[in-house]
Amino acid sequence: MRIGSILFGAALLLLLAGSLLFAYSGLGDMPLAGWIALVAGVAFSLIIGIGLMALLFYSSRQGYDEPPKLGE
């Protein structure tokens, strides 16, 4: 690996750590209902995203994404 790619990766990791720290500090004293809503929202988003990606791969493998063939 080149030094540039290592520095770029380190900079991205620092940005990620800073954004996570900023987000965590912004939560403050969130009540239990807020935590439940946050966890439910994240879980729902993951379920929808994973389900849609599974449908995408399924339709691609089954040939549903192919253009129609005329005359067959």
N, C-alpha and C. Protein backbone atom coordinates (compact mmCIF):
# COMPACT_ATOMS: atom_id res chain seq x y z
N MET A 1 0.84 -1.19 0.00
CA MET A 1 0.00 0.00 0.00
C MET A 1 0.88 1.24 0.00
N ARG A 2 0.42 2.22 -0.69
CA ARG A 2 1.14 3.49 -0.70
C ARG A 2 0.83 4.30 0.55
N ILE A 3 1.68 5.24 0.84
CA ILE A 3 1.50 6.09 2.02
C ILE A 3 0.26 6.97 1.86
N GLY A 4 -0.05 7.35 0.62
CA GLY A 4 -1.23 8.18 0.39
C GLY A 4 -2.52 7.47 0.74
N SER A 5 -2.62 6.19 0.38
CA SER A 5 -3.83 5.45 0.69
C SER A 5 -3.95 5.18 2.19
N ILE A 6 -2.81 5.00 2.85
CA ILE A 6 -2.84 4.81 4.29
C ILE A 6 -3.28 6.09 4.98
N LEU A 7 -2.76 7.23 4.54
CA LEU A 7 -3.17 8.50 5.13
C LEU A 7 -4.65 8.79 4.85
N PHE A 8 -5.10 8.46 3.66
CA PHE A 8 -6.50 8.67 3.32
C PHE A 8 -7.40 7.81 4.21
N GLY A 9 -7.03 6.55 4.41
CA GLY A 9 -7.80 5.68 5.29
C GLY A 9 -7.80 6.18 6.73
N ALA A 10 -6.65 6.66 7.20
CA ALA A 10 -6.57 7.20 8.56
C ALA A 10 -7.44 8.44 8.70
N ALA A 11 -7.45 9.30 7.68
CA ALA A 11 -8.29 10.50 7.73
C ALA A 11 -9.76 10.12 7.77
N LEU A 12 -10.16 9.11 7.00
CA LEU A 12 -11.55 8.67 7.02
C LEU A 12 -11.94 8.08 8.37
N LEU A 13 -11.02 7.32 8.97
CA LEU A 13 -11.30 6.77 10.29
C LEU A 13 -11.42 7.87 11.34
N LEU A 14 -10.58 8.91 11.25
CA LEU A 14 -10.69 10.03 12.17
C LEU A 14 -12.01 10.77 12.00
N LEU A 15 -12.45 10.95 10.76
CA LEU A 15 -13.74 11.58 10.52
C LEU A 15 -14.88 10.73 11.07
N LEU A 16 -14.79 9.43 10.91
CA LEU A 16 -15.82 8.55 11.45
C LEU A 16 -15.86 8.63 12.97
N ALA A 17 -14.69 8.59 13.61
CA ALA A 17 -14.64 8.67 15.07
C ALA A 17 -15.19 10.01 15.57
N GLY A 18 -14.84 11.07 14.87
CA GLY A 18 -15.35 12.39 15.27
C GLY A 18 -16.85 12.50 15.11
N SER A 19 -17.38 11.96 14.03
CA SER A 19 -18.83 12.04 13.83
C SER A 19 -19.57 11.18 14.85
N LEU A 20 -19.02 10.01 15.20
CA LEU A 20 -19.65 9.18 16.22
C LEU A 20 -19.61 9.85 17.59
N LEU A 21 -18.51 10.49 17.91
CA LEU A 21 -18.40 11.20 19.18
C LEU A 21 -19.38 12.37 19.23
N PHE A 22 -19.49 13.10 18.13
CA PHE A 22 -20.44 14.21 18.06
C PHE A 22 -21.87 13.72 18.21
N ALA A 23 -22.20 12.63 17.54
CA ALA A 23 -23.56 12.09 17.63
C ALA A 23 -23.85 11.59 19.04
N TYR A 24 -22.88 10.94 19.67
CA TYR A 24 -23.10 10.44 21.02
C TYR A 24 -23.26 11.57 22.02
N SER A 25 -22.48 12.62 21.85
CA SER A 25 -22.58 13.75 22.78
C SER A 25 -23.89 14.50 22.59
N GLY A 26 -24.48 14.43 21.41
CA GLY A 26 -25.74 15.11 21.16
C GLY A 26 -26.94 14.38 21.73
N LEU A 27 -26.77 13.10 22.06
CA LEU A 27 -27.90 12.35 22.61
C LEU A 27 -28.25 12.82 24.01
N GLY A 28 -27.25 13.16 24.80
CA GLY A 28 -27.50 13.69 26.14
C GLY A 28 -28.28 12.72 27.00
N ASP A 29 -29.23 13.26 27.75
CA ASP A 29 -30.06 12.45 28.63
C ASP A 29 -31.35 12.09 27.91
N MET A 30 -31.25 11.13 27.01
CA MET A 30 -32.42 10.73 26.25
C MET A 30 -33.24 9.75 27.10
N PRO A 31 -34.55 9.94 27.16
CA PRO A 31 -35.38 9.02 27.95
C PRO A 31 -35.45 7.64 27.31
N LEU A 32 -35.98 6.71 28.07
CA LEU A 32 -36.07 5.33 27.60
C LEU A 32 -36.91 5.22 26.33
N ALA A 33 -37.97 6.00 26.24
CA ALA A 33 -38.82 5.96 25.05
C ALA A 33 -38.03 6.39 23.82
N GLY A 34 -37.11 7.32 23.98
CA GLY A 34 -36.27 7.75 22.86
C GLY A 34 -35.34 6.64 22.40
N TRP A 35 -34.75 5.92 23.35
CA TRP A 35 -33.87 4.81 22.99
C TRP A 35 -34.64 3.70 22.30
N ILE A 36 -35.85 3.43 22.78
CA ILE A 36 -36.67 2.40 22.15
C ILE A 36 -37.02 2.80 20.72
N ALA A 37 -37.38 4.06 20.53
CA ALA A 37 -37.71 4.53 19.18
C ALA A 37 -36.48 4.49 18.27
N LEU A 38 -35.32 4.84 18.80
CA LEU A 38 -34.09 4.82 18.01
C LEU A 38 -33.75 3.39 17.58
N VAL A 39 -33.81 2.46 18.50
CA VAL A 39 -33.49 1.06 18.18
C VAL A 39 -34.53 0.49 17.21
N ALA A 40 -35.81 0.80 17.42
CA ALA A 40 -36.85 0.31 16.52
C ALA A 40 -36.68 0.87 15.12
N GLY A 41 -36.33 2.15 15.01
CA GLY A 41 -36.12 2.77 13.70
C GLY A 41 -34.94 2.16 12.96
N VAL A 42 -33.85 1.93 13.67
CA VAL A 42 -32.68 1.33 13.04
C VAL A 42 -32.98 -0.10 12.61
N ALA A 43 -33.65 -0.86 13.47
CA ALA A 43 -33.99 -2.25 13.13
C ALA A 43 -34.93 -2.29 11.93
N PHE A 44 -35.93 -1.43 11.90
CA PHE A 44 -36.87 -1.39 10.78
C PHE A 44 -36.14 -1.03 9.49
N SER A 45 -35.25 -0.06 9.54
CA SER A 45 -34.50 0.34 8.35
C SER A 45 -33.62 -0.80 7.84
N LEU A 46 -32.98 -1.51 8.75
CA LEU A 46 -32.15 -2.65 8.35
C LEU A 46 -32.98 -3.76 7.73
N ILE A 47 -34.14 -4.05 8.32
CA ILE A 47 -35.00 -5.11 7.78
C ILE A 47 -35.47 -4.75 6.38
N ILE A 48 -35.91 -3.51 6.18
CA ILE A 48 -36.37 -3.07 4.86
C ILE A 48 -35.22 -3.11 3.85
N GLY A 49 -34.06 -2.59 4.23
CA GLY A 49 -32.91 -2.58 3.32
C GLY A 49 -32.45 -3.97 2.93
N ILE A 50 -32.35 -4.85 3.91
CA ILE A 50 -31.90 -6.22 3.63
C ILE A 50 -32.94 -6.94 2.77
N GLY A 51 -34.23 -6.73 3.07
CA GLY A 51 -35.28 -7.37 2.29
C GLY A 51 -35.28 -6.91 0.84
N LEU A 52 -35.12 -5.61 0.63
CA LEU A 52 -35.10 -5.10 -0.74
C LEU A 52 -33.87 -5.59 -1.51
N MET A 53 -32.73 -5.67 -0.85
CA MET A 53 -31.54 -6.18 -1.53
C MET A 53 -31.71 -7.66 -1.86
N ALA A 54 -32.34 -8.42 -0.97
CA ALA A 54 -32.59 -9.84 -1.26
C ALA A 54 -33.52 -9.98 -2.46
N LEU A 55 -34.56 -9.15 -2.53
CA LEU A 55 -35.45 -9.20 -3.69
C LEU A 55 -34.73 -8.81 -4.97
N LEU A 56 -33.82 -7.86 -4.88
CA LEU A 56 -33.05 -7.44 -6.05
C LEU A 56 -32.19 -8.59 -6.57
N PHE A 57 -31.48 -9.28 -5.69
CA PHE A 57 -30.65 -10.40 -6.11
C PHE A 57 -31.50 -11.56 -6.61
N TYR A 58 -32.63 -11.80 -5.96
CA TYR A 58 -33.51 -12.88 -6.40
C TYR A 58 -34.03 -12.62 -7.81
N SER A 59 -34.52 -11.41 -8.05
CA SER A 59 -35.07 -11.11 -9.38
C SER A 59 -33.99 -11.14 -10.45
N SER A 60 -32.78 -10.76 -10.09
CA SER A 60 -31.68 -10.78 -11.05
C SER A 60 -31.31 -12.22 -11.41
N ARG A 61 -31.28 -13.09 -10.43
CA ARG A 61 -30.89 -14.49 -10.69
C ARG A 61 -31.98 -15.28 -11.39
N GLN A 62 -33.23 -14.87 -11.21
CA GLN A 62 -34.34 -15.58 -11.84
C GLN A 62 -34.59 -15.11 -13.26
N GLY A 63 -33.92 -14.06 -13.70
CA GLY A 63 -34.06 -13.58 -15.06
C GLY A 63 -35.17 -12.56 -15.25
N TYR A 64 -35.74 -12.06 -14.16
CA TYR A 64 -36.81 -11.07 -14.28
C TYR A 64 -36.30 -9.72 -14.77
N ASP A 65 -35.01 -9.49 -14.69
CA ASP A 65 -34.44 -8.21 -15.12
C ASP A 65 -34.01 -8.20 -16.57
N GLU A 66 -34.15 -9.32 -17.25
CA GLU A 66 -33.75 -9.40 -18.65
C GLU A 66 -34.78 -8.70 -19.53
N PRO A 67 -34.33 -8.09 -20.61
CA PRO A 67 -35.30 -7.46 -21.53
C PRO A 67 -36.14 -8.54 -22.22
N PRO A 68 -37.36 -8.20 -22.61
CA PRO A 68 -38.21 -9.21 -23.26
C PRO A 68 -37.66 -9.59 -24.63
N LYS A 69 -37.86 -10.84 -25.00
CA LYS A 69 -37.40 -11.32 -26.31
C LYS A 69 -38.63 -11.49 -27.20
N LEU A 70 -38.65 -10.77 -28.27
CA LEU A 70 -39.79 -10.81 -29.18
C LEU A 70 -39.68 -12.02 -30.11
N GLY A 71 -40.79 -12.63 -30.40
CA GLY A 71 -40.81 -13.72 -31.35
C GLY A 71 -40.51 -15.07 -30.76
N GLU A 72 -40.47 -15.18 -29.46
CA GLU A 72 -40.19 -16.50 -28.86
C GLU A 72 -41.37 -16.98 -28.09
